[in-house]
Amino acid sequence: MSREMPRDTGLDNTLNVLKDGYMYIMNRQDRFDSDVFETRLLGQRTICLVGEEAAEIFYDEGKFQREGAAPNRIKETLFGKGGVQGLDGDAHKHRKAMFMSIMSRENLQHFNQLFKQQLRLAIEKWEQIDDVIFYKEIEEVLTRTSCLWAGVIVEKDMDKLTDEIGTLFESAASVGPAHWAGRRNRNKLEKWMSGLVEDVRDGKINPPEPSALYQFSWHQDLEGNYLDPKIAAVEMLNIIRPIVANAVYINFLVLALYEHPQELEKIKTGGEEYAKMFVQEVRRAYPFFPVAVAVVKNDFIWRDFTFKEGTLTLLDLYGTNHHPKSWDNPDIFNPERFRNWNDSPFSFIPQGGGDHYLGHRCAGEWVTLEVMKTSLDFLVNHMDYNIPKQDLSLSVNDIPNTPEIALHNVRKKIDSFL
């Protein structure tokens, strides 16, 4: 026998989501004392979930599907239309295998080499700048690196390209001019990428075989057909855009080192193990992706609540990473919590949960870990800088949260460089 699901009041709570940001679901979880509740967003009945047990249900493909889940405004900026995020079943597994094919150990090592090269070039520039706005600078480094790794030769202004790619994820939760800019840039970038795919197939350009541009251009679907160039372009941006978005995480590395200075010596003496623990705690503690989206595939009952077919459902990623049932003192920054962590695929979900190969967990998570470990080593062991007095507070309703940290006196450490 089912019972009535807790319900947020109001005809539509979209404005409350914009106001509360990352805390919308967590605040109501506390109010209702429930990991599941109902609301209305954009005029649509919506179920909100949070926590490890809810995440395991959310990633059950027998209960939820991704097709038709993401609102158009998200597709028009963040994901694009026809991409892997909106597929289910065998079509999803086959498309996901295309992404995982470029995540070999050798290809990830190649990415790391390219990233280190770009960091070396960047610090030469930063040493000449009085105020280094770190987020924007590292965003450009990642744009250069991701394009090189993906096999894309850039013949346009790099500052402009960085801004265009940045708007794809920076405007996803925006309204008005910022959202419109993201839509315009999405259309522009997809047109550029689809042209590159056509050039590969016409033999006009020959990217390296391990690269995304080569693999995606020649990928065949389950019927043996090449991807439509527009879809291949969407998937190319689904490689480049998330890598550039790691600028948010790297920015948080700087902030975490500033806010927790006691960690510096532990990182220097703790080796690769402690560095990874620190990186994982930054990914857990700081706000990045707010939610994952799906729709109920078939009617089912969970915790005596009825989930009706077709109902839009949000899983709170940030809230799950702070859920007290999974994390002791979740609001305390403590890398040591990952020393004996049980490696649950549903409690720690900064980039989605479940399985990398068969599920909807982000294929680029391994790239993120490489980017963050290399960046942490760079910040701690290979460069010096000062952080002058400035407002470094985080606003819970800024999605994504990108404080523009200004660095002064940036310089490379003598005899200690990548």
Protein backbone atom coordinates (compact mmCIF):
# COMPACT_ATOMS: atom_id res chain seq x y z
CA MET A 1 0.00 0.00 0.00
CA SER A 2 1.46 3.37 -1.03
CA ARG A 3 1.41 6.60 0.94
CA GLU A 4 1.34 10.23 -0.12
CA MET A 5 4.69 11.69 -1.04
CA PRO A 6 5.81 14.87 0.82
CA ARG A 7 5.08 17.87 -1.38
CA ASP A 8 6.63 21.32 -1.62
CA THR A 9 3.99 24.03 -1.54
CA GLY A 10 3.33 26.48 -4.36
CA LEU A 11 1.99 26.34 -7.90
CA ASP A 12 5.53 26.34 -9.31
CA ASN A 13 8.87 26.37 -7.48
CA THR A 14 11.22 27.24 -10.34
CA LEU A 15 12.04 30.62 -8.80
CA ASN A 16 12.76 28.94 -5.45
CA VAL A 17 15.26 26.65 -7.21
CA LEU A 18 16.99 29.70 -8.70
CA LYS A 19 17.01 31.36 -5.26
CA ASP A 20 18.19 28.36 -3.22
CA GLY A 21 20.47 26.87 -5.89
CA TYR A 22 22.43 23.89 -4.63
CA MET A 23 20.49 23.88 -1.36
CA TYR A 24 16.95 23.61 -2.78
CA ILE A 25 16.59 19.84 -2.37
CA MET A 26 18.68 19.61 0.82
CA ASN A 27 16.61 22.30 2.54
CA ARG A 28 13.40 20.45 1.80
CA GLN A 29 14.93 17.11 2.72
CA ASP A 30 15.51 18.58 6.19
CA ARG A 31 12.02 20.09 6.32
CA PHE A 32 10.24 16.88 5.29
CA ASP A 33 12.76 14.50 6.93
CA SER A 34 12.59 12.55 3.68
CA ASP A 35 14.98 11.65 0.86
CA VAL A 36 12.12 11.95 -1.62
CA PHE A 37 9.53 14.67 -2.16
CA GLU A 38 7.40 16.15 -4.91
CA THR A 39 7.45 19.67 -6.35
CA ARG A 40 6.54 21.52 -9.54
CA LEU A 41 9.23 22.94 -11.79
CA LEU A 42 8.67 24.73 -15.10
CA GLY A 43 4.99 23.82 -14.74
CA GLN A 44 5.75 20.10 -14.49
CA ARG A 45 5.28 17.63 -11.63
CA THR A 46 8.77 16.71 -10.47
CA ILE A 47 10.14 14.22 -7.95
CA CYS A 48 13.35 15.12 -6.09
CA LEU A 49 15.67 12.45 -4.68
CA VAL A 50 18.81 12.59 -2.53
CA GLY A 51 21.10 10.05 -0.87
CA GLU A 52 22.89 6.81 -1.65
CA GLU A 53 19.80 4.58 -1.63
CA ALA A 54 17.90 7.03 -3.83
CA ALA A 55 20.85 7.19 -6.24
CA GLU A 56 20.88 3.40 -6.61
CA ILE A 57 17.20 3.49 -7.55
CA PHE A 58 17.72 6.46 -9.88
CA TYR A 59 20.37 4.61 -11.91
CA ASP A 60 18.24 1.46 -12.24
CA GLU A 61 17.46 1.40 -15.98
CA GLY A 62 14.35 -0.66 -15.35
CA LYS A 63 12.87 2.22 -13.36
CA PHE A 64 14.23 5.38 -15.01
CA GLN A 65 15.16 6.51 -18.50
CA ARG A 66 17.12 9.49 -19.83
CA GLU A 67 15.37 9.86 -23.17
CA GLY A 68 13.12 12.90 -23.05
CA ALA A 69 14.30 13.88 -19.55
CA ALA A 70 16.55 16.92 -19.99
CA PRO A 71 14.64 20.18 -20.51
CA ASN A 72 15.19 21.84 -23.88
CA ARG A 73 16.99 24.79 -22.28
CA ILE A 74 19.62 22.33 -20.94
CA LYS A 75 19.98 20.62 -24.33
CA GLU A 76 20.30 24.02 -26.01
CA THR A 77 23.32 24.90 -23.86
CA LEU A 78 24.89 22.10 -21.82
CA PHE A 79 24.27 18.75 -23.53
CA GLY A 80 23.20 19.41 -27.10
CA LYS A 81 20.48 17.37 -28.81
CA GLY A 82 20.98 13.70 -29.64
CA GLY A 83 23.93 13.17 -27.33
CA VAL A 84 24.79 10.17 -25.17
CA GLN A 85 23.15 11.67 -22.07
CA GLY A 86 19.70 11.23 -23.61
CA LEU A 87 20.07 7.60 -24.70
CA ASP A 88 18.99 4.41 -22.96
CA GLY A 89 19.50 0.67 -23.25
CA ASP A 90 21.68 -0.83 -25.99
CA ALA A 91 21.91 2.48 -27.87
CA HIS A 92 23.37 4.12 -24.77
CA LYS A 93 25.80 1.29 -24.07
CA HIS A 94 27.01 1.33 -27.68
CA ARG A 95 27.48 5.11 -27.75
CA LYS A 96 29.12 5.06 -24.30
CA ALA A 97 31.63 2.49 -25.61
CA MET A 98 32.65 5.08 -28.21
CA PHE A 99 33.57 7.46 -25.40
CA MET A 100 35.34 4.81 -23.34
CA SER A 101 37.43 3.80 -26.37
CA ILE A 102 39.45 7.01 -25.99
CA MET A 103 39.94 6.55 -22.22
CA SER A 104 42.80 4.06 -22.49
CA ARG A 105 45.74 4.37 -20.10
CA GLU A 106 47.98 5.46 -22.98
CA ASN A 107 45.55 8.10 -24.18
CA LEU A 108 45.09 9.47 -20.65
CA GLN A 109 48.87 9.65 -20.27
CA HIS A 110 49.00 11.57 -23.55
CA PHE A 111 46.38 13.97 -22.23
CA ASN A 112 48.41 14.54 -19.07
CA GLN A 113 51.54 15.28 -21.11
CA LEU A 114 49.66 17.84 -23.20
CA PHE A 115 48.20 19.43 -20.07
CA LYS A 116 51.63 19.75 -18.44
CA GLN A 117 53.01 21.36 -21.62
CA GLN A 118 50.22 23.93 -21.61
CA LEU A 119 50.78 24.65 -17.91
CA ARG A 120 54.46 25.33 -18.60
CA LEU A 121 53.51 27.81 -21.31
CA ALA A 122 50.83 29.39 -19.13
CA ILE A 123 53.06 30.14 -16.17
CA GLU A 124 55.46 32.02 -18.44
CA LYS A 125 52.51 34.28 -19.28
CA TRP A 126 51.25 34.51 -15.70
CA GLU A 127 54.63 35.69 -14.43
CA GLN A 128 54.12 38.83 -16.54
CA ILE A 129 50.62 39.60 -15.20
CA ASP A 130 49.91 41.59 -12.03
CA ASP A 131 46.50 40.05 -11.34
CA VAL A 132 45.99 36.51 -12.63
CA ILE A 133 42.26 35.72 -12.59
CA PHE A 134 42.90 32.05 -12.16
CA TYR A 135 39.57 30.58 -13.25
CA LYS A 136 39.62 32.27 -16.68
CA GLU A 137 43.31 31.46 -17.19
CA ILE A 138 43.01 27.77 -16.35
CA GLU A 139 39.87 27.59 -18.48
CA GLU A 140 41.96 28.66 -21.49
CA VAL A 141 44.68 26.12 -20.62
CA LEU A 142 42.05 23.38 -20.60
CA THR A 143 40.55 24.59 -23.89
CA ARG A 144 43.94 24.33 -25.58
CA THR A 145 44.65 20.94 -24.04
CA SER A 146 41.24 19.41 -24.79
CA CYS A 147 41.29 20.50 -28.42
CA LEU A 148 44.81 19.14 -28.96
CA TRP A 149 43.88 15.85 -27.30
CA ALA A 150 40.64 15.57 -29.29
CA GLY A 151 42.51 16.06 -32.56
CA VAL A 152 41.05 19.51 -33.24
CA ILE A 153 43.37 22.07 -34.82
CA VAL A 154 42.24 25.50 -33.66
CA GLU A 155 42.55 28.28 -36.20
CA LYS A 156 40.48 30.84 -34.31
CA ASP A 157 41.13 33.22 -31.43
CA MET A 158 41.73 31.08 -28.34
CA ASP A 159 40.29 33.63 -25.90
CA LYS A 160 37.09 33.75 -27.93
CA LEU A 161 36.87 29.96 -28.23
CA THR A 162 37.38 29.58 -24.47
CA ASP A 163 34.54 32.00 -23.77
CA GLU A 164 32.26 30.23 -26.26
CA ILE A 165 32.88 26.80 -24.72
CA GLY A 166 32.60 28.21 -21.22
CA THR A 167 29.10 29.55 -21.85
CA LEU A 168 27.86 26.01 -22.59
CA PHE A 169 28.11 25.07 -18.90
CA GLU A 170 28.19 28.51 -17.29
CA SER A 171 24.81 29.48 -18.76
CA ALA A 172 22.94 26.19 -18.32
CA ALA A 173 21.13 27.40 -15.18
CA SER A 174 20.81 31.00 -16.36
CA VAL A 175 17.90 32.94 -17.80
CA GLY A 176 17.81 35.88 -20.19
CA PRO A 177 20.91 37.13 -22.06
CA ALA A 178 23.34 34.65 -20.49
CA HIS A 179 21.18 31.71 -21.59
CA TRP A 180 20.74 33.16 -25.08
CA ALA A 181 24.52 33.54 -25.40
CA GLY A 182 24.95 29.88 -24.47
CA ARG A 183 22.43 28.85 -27.14
CA ARG A 184 24.13 30.96 -29.81
CA ASN A 185 27.53 29.56 -28.97
CA ARG A 186 26.21 25.99 -28.90
CA ASN A 187 24.88 26.43 -32.46
CA LYS A 188 28.13 28.04 -33.62
CA LEU A 189 30.36 25.38 -32.10
CA GLU A 190 28.25 22.48 -33.37
CA LYS A 191 28.41 23.91 -36.89
CA TRP A 192 32.20 24.15 -36.62
CA MET A 193 32.57 20.62 -35.25
CA SER A 194 30.21 19.05 -37.79
CA GLY A 195 32.31 20.66 -40.53
CA LEU A 196 35.43 19.04 -39.07
CA VAL A 197 33.72 15.62 -39.04
CA GLU A 198 32.78 16.05 -42.70
CA ASP A 199 36.35 17.08 -43.51
CA VAL A 200 37.66 13.90 -41.87
CA ARG A 201 35.28 11.74 -43.90
CA ASP A 202 36.22 13.60 -47.09
CA GLY A 203 39.92 13.05 -46.40
CA LYS A 204 40.67 16.77 -46.05
CA ILE A 205 42.07 16.37 -42.54
CA ASN A 206 43.59 13.34 -40.85
CA PRO A 207 43.48 13.49 -37.04
CA PRO A 208 45.43 10.92 -35.00
CA GLU A 209 43.63 7.58 -34.71
CA PRO A 210 43.35 7.60 -30.88
CA SER A 211 41.73 11.05 -30.93
CA ALA A 212 38.04 11.75 -30.39
CA LEU A 213 37.72 13.46 -33.78
CA TYR A 214 38.95 10.33 -35.58
CA GLN A 215 36.98 7.85 -33.44
CA PHE A 216 33.73 9.82 -33.48
CA SER A 217 33.92 10.58 -37.20
CA TRP A 218 34.15 6.88 -38.06
CA HIS A 219 31.92 5.48 -35.32
CA GLN A 220 29.04 3.32 -36.53
CA ASP A 221 25.74 2.95 -34.71
CA LEU A 222 23.99 -0.36 -34.02
CA GLU A 223 22.64 -0.38 -37.60
CA GLY A 224 26.12 0.13 -39.06
CA ASN A 225 25.57 3.78 -40.02
CA TYR A 226 27.98 6.61 -39.34
CA LEU A 227 26.71 9.20 -36.91
CA ASP A 228 25.02 12.20 -38.45
CA PRO A 229 27.71 14.93 -38.50
CA LYS A 230 25.50 17.07 -36.24
CA ILE A 231 25.31 14.27 -33.66
CA ALA A 232 29.05 13.61 -33.94
CA ALA A 233 29.56 17.33 -33.32
CA VAL A 234 27.41 17.15 -30.18
CA GLU A 235 29.51 14.24 -28.92
CA MET A 236 32.77 16.05 -29.73
CA LEU A 237 31.58 18.89 -27.53
CA ASN A 238 30.63 16.29 -24.92
CA ILE A 239 34.36 15.54 -24.73
CA ILE A 240 35.76 19.07 -24.93
CA ARG A 241 33.13 20.90 -22.86
CA PRO A 242 33.45 18.73 -19.69
CA ILE A 243 37.24 18.95 -19.82
CA VAL A 244 37.07 22.74 -19.97
CA ALA A 245 34.51 22.67 -17.15
CA ASN A 246 37.21 21.16 -14.93
CA ALA A 247 38.36 24.76 -14.52
CA VAL A 248 35.66 24.90 -11.83
CA TYR A 249 37.27 22.04 -9.91
CA ILE A 250 40.79 23.42 -10.31
CA ASN A 251 39.55 26.77 -9.04
CA PHE A 252 38.24 24.93 -6.00
CA LEU A 253 41.68 23.36 -5.47
CA VAL A 254 43.10 26.88 -5.05
CA LEU A 255 40.26 27.80 -2.72
CA ALA A 256 40.65 24.62 -0.64
CA LEU A 257 44.39 25.19 -0.24
CA TYR A 258 43.65 28.74 0.89
CA GLU A 259 40.84 27.78 3.29
CA HIS A 260 42.67 24.75 4.74
CA PRO A 261 46.36 25.72 4.95
CA GLN A 262 47.04 22.83 7.33
CA GLU A 263 46.62 20.50 4.34
CA LEU A 264 49.63 21.85 2.47
CA GLU A 265 52.28 19.94 4.37
CA LYS A 266 50.19 16.75 4.28
CA ILE A 267 50.02 17.00 0.49
CA LYS A 268 53.77 17.55 0.24
CA THR A 269 54.65 14.58 2.45
CA GLY A 270 51.70 12.26 1.83
CA GLY A 271 52.62 11.24 -1.69
CA GLU A 272 50.19 10.29 -4.45
CA GLU A 273 47.78 8.61 -2.01
CA TYR A 274 47.11 11.75 0.02
CA ALA A 275 46.99 13.94 -3.08
CA LYS A 276 44.21 11.75 -4.48
CA MET A 277 42.36 11.88 -1.15
CA PHE A 278 42.57 15.68 -1.18
CA VAL A 279 41.30 15.82 -4.76
CA GLN A 280 38.38 13.54 -3.97
CA GLU A 281 37.42 15.60 -0.92
CA VAL A 282 37.41 18.76 -3.03
CA ARG A 283 35.09 17.02 -5.50
CA ARG A 284 32.84 15.91 -2.64
CA ALA A 285 32.80 19.09 -0.58
CA TYR A 286 32.57 21.89 -3.14
CA PRO A 287 29.53 22.51 -5.38
CA PHE A 288 29.77 21.64 -9.09
CA PHE A 289 27.06 19.67 -10.92
CA PRO A 290 23.85 20.21 -8.93
CA VAL A 291 21.51 17.45 -10.18
CA ALA A 292 21.07 14.58 -12.65
CA VAL A 293 17.79 14.28 -14.59
CA ALA A 294 15.66 11.30 -15.65
CA VAL A 295 12.01 10.34 -16.09
CA VAL A 296 10.19 7.40 -14.54
CA LYS A 297 10.18 4.57 -17.09
CA ASN A 298 7.48 2.37 -15.55
CA ASP A 299 5.22 2.72 -12.52
CA PHE A 300 6.87 1.41 -9.35
CA ILE A 301 6.72 1.82 -5.57
CA TRP A 302 9.75 2.71 -3.45
CA ARG A 303 9.57 3.35 0.30
CA ASP A 304 5.80 3.12 -0.06
CA PHE A 305 5.79 6.08 -2.47
CA THR A 306 4.33 5.65 -5.96
CA PHE A 307 6.48 6.75 -8.90
CA LYS A 308 4.29 7.28 -11.97
CA GLU A 309 5.51 6.63 -15.52
CA GLY A 310 6.72 9.79 -17.26
CA THR A 311 7.37 11.83 -14.10
CA LEU A 312 10.42 14.09 -14.27
CA THR A 313 12.89 13.18 -11.51
CA LEU A 314 15.94 15.01 -10.16
CA LEU A 315 18.76 13.37 -8.20
CA ASP A 316 20.65 15.82 -5.97
CA LEU A 317 24.35 15.16 -6.64
CA TYR A 318 25.68 17.79 -4.24
CA GLY A 319 23.23 16.74 -1.53
CA THR A 320 24.11 13.05 -1.91
CA ASN A 321 27.79 13.93 -1.51
CA HIS A 322 26.81 15.58 1.80
CA HIS A 323 24.25 13.06 3.02
CA PRO A 324 24.78 12.30 6.75
CA LYS A 325 23.84 8.63 6.26
CA SER A 326 26.87 8.18 3.99
CA TRP A 327 29.33 10.78 5.31
CA ASP A 328 30.38 11.54 8.88
CA ASN A 329 30.37 15.28 9.56
CA PRO A 330 29.70 15.99 5.87
CA ASP A 331 30.24 19.75 6.22
CA ILE A 332 33.77 19.28 7.57
CA PHE A 333 36.58 19.25 4.99
CA ASN A 334 38.46 16.03 5.72
CA PRO A 335 40.46 14.21 3.00
CA GLU A 336 41.19 11.39 5.47
CA ARG A 337 37.61 10.16 5.00
CA PHE A 338 38.75 8.68 1.66
CA ARG A 339 41.57 6.60 3.18
CA ASN A 340 39.21 3.71 3.98
CA TRP A 341 36.31 4.71 1.79
CA ASN A 342 34.15 1.80 0.58
CA ASP A 343 34.23 3.00 -3.06
CA SER A 344 30.44 3.07 -3.34
CA PRO A 345 29.28 4.09 -6.85
CA PHE A 346 26.16 5.71 -5.38
CA SER A 347 27.30 7.68 -2.32
CA PHE A 348 30.08 9.68 -4.02
CA ILE A 349 28.59 11.02 -7.24
CA PRO A 350 30.08 14.40 -8.20
CA GLN A 351 29.84 13.37 -11.87
CA GLY A 352 26.96 10.93 -11.67
CA GLY A 353 26.63 7.45 -10.18
CA GLY A 354 26.72 3.85 -11.23
CA ASP A 355 29.07 2.17 -13.68
CA HIS A 356 31.39 4.02 -16.08
CA TYR A 357 31.08 1.51 -18.91
CA LEU A 358 27.46 0.41 -18.78
CA GLY A 359 25.75 3.16 -16.79
CA HIS A 360 25.38 6.92 -16.88
CA ARG A 361 28.41 7.84 -14.77
CA CYS A 362 30.46 10.46 -16.63
CA ALA A 363 32.94 8.90 -19.07
CA GLY A 364 35.29 11.83 -18.46
CA GLU A 365 35.65 11.25 -14.71
CA TRP A 366 39.06 9.65 -15.18
CA VAL A 367 40.19 12.72 -17.16
CA THR A 368 38.94 14.89 -14.30
CA LEU A 369 41.04 12.95 -11.79
CA GLU A 370 44.15 13.29 -13.97
CA VAL A 371 43.53 17.00 -14.47
CA MET A 372 43.04 17.63 -10.75
CA LYS A 373 46.01 15.55 -9.56
CA THR A 374 48.31 17.26 -12.04
CA SER A 375 46.91 20.68 -11.13
CA LEU A 376 47.35 20.04 -7.41
CA ASP A 377 50.96 19.00 -7.94
CA PHE A 378 51.47 22.12 -10.07
CA LEU A 379 49.96 24.46 -7.44
CA VAL A 380 51.81 22.93 -4.49
CA ASN A 381 55.19 21.91 -5.87
CA HIS A 382 55.90 23.92 -9.00
CA MET A 383 54.61 27.46 -8.54
CA ASP A 384 54.43 30.17 -5.91
CA TYR A 385 51.73 32.81 -5.65
CA ASN A 386 50.01 35.12 -3.21
CA ILE A 387 46.28 35.47 -2.64
CA PRO A 388 45.54 39.06 -1.61
CA LYS A 389 42.58 39.96 0.54
CA GLN A 390 39.38 39.51 -1.50
CA ASP A 391 35.86 38.14 -1.24
CA LEU A 392 36.18 34.38 -1.71
CA SER A 393 32.79 33.42 -0.32
CA LEU A 394 30.68 30.94 -2.27
CA SER A 395 27.10 31.71 -3.21
CA VAL A 396 24.83 28.67 -3.13
CA ASN A 397 22.65 30.04 -5.94
CA ASP A 398 25.45 30.51 -8.48
CA ILE A 399 25.48 27.42 -10.72
CA PRO A 400 28.23 26.64 -11.47
CA ASN A 401 30.08 28.37 -8.66
CA THR A 402 33.15 30.09 -10.08
CA PRO A 403 34.69 32.67 -7.71
CA GLU A 404 37.21 34.75 -9.65
CA ILE A 405 40.24 34.25 -7.43
CA ALA A 406 42.96 36.80 -8.15
CA LEU A 407 46.55 35.54 -7.75
CA HIS A 408 49.46 37.95 -7.27
CA ASN A 409 53.21 37.42 -7.81
CA VAL A 410 52.82 34.16 -9.73
CA ARG A 411 56.20 32.58 -10.35
CA LYS A 412 57.60 29.13 -10.99
CA LYS A 413 59.68 27.48 -8.32
CA ILE A 414 63.37 27.29 -9.16
CA ASP A 415 64.61 23.78 -10.03
CA SER A 416 61.20 22.33 -9.38
CA PHE A 417 59.10 22.24 -12.48
CA LEU A 418 56.94 19.81 -14.41
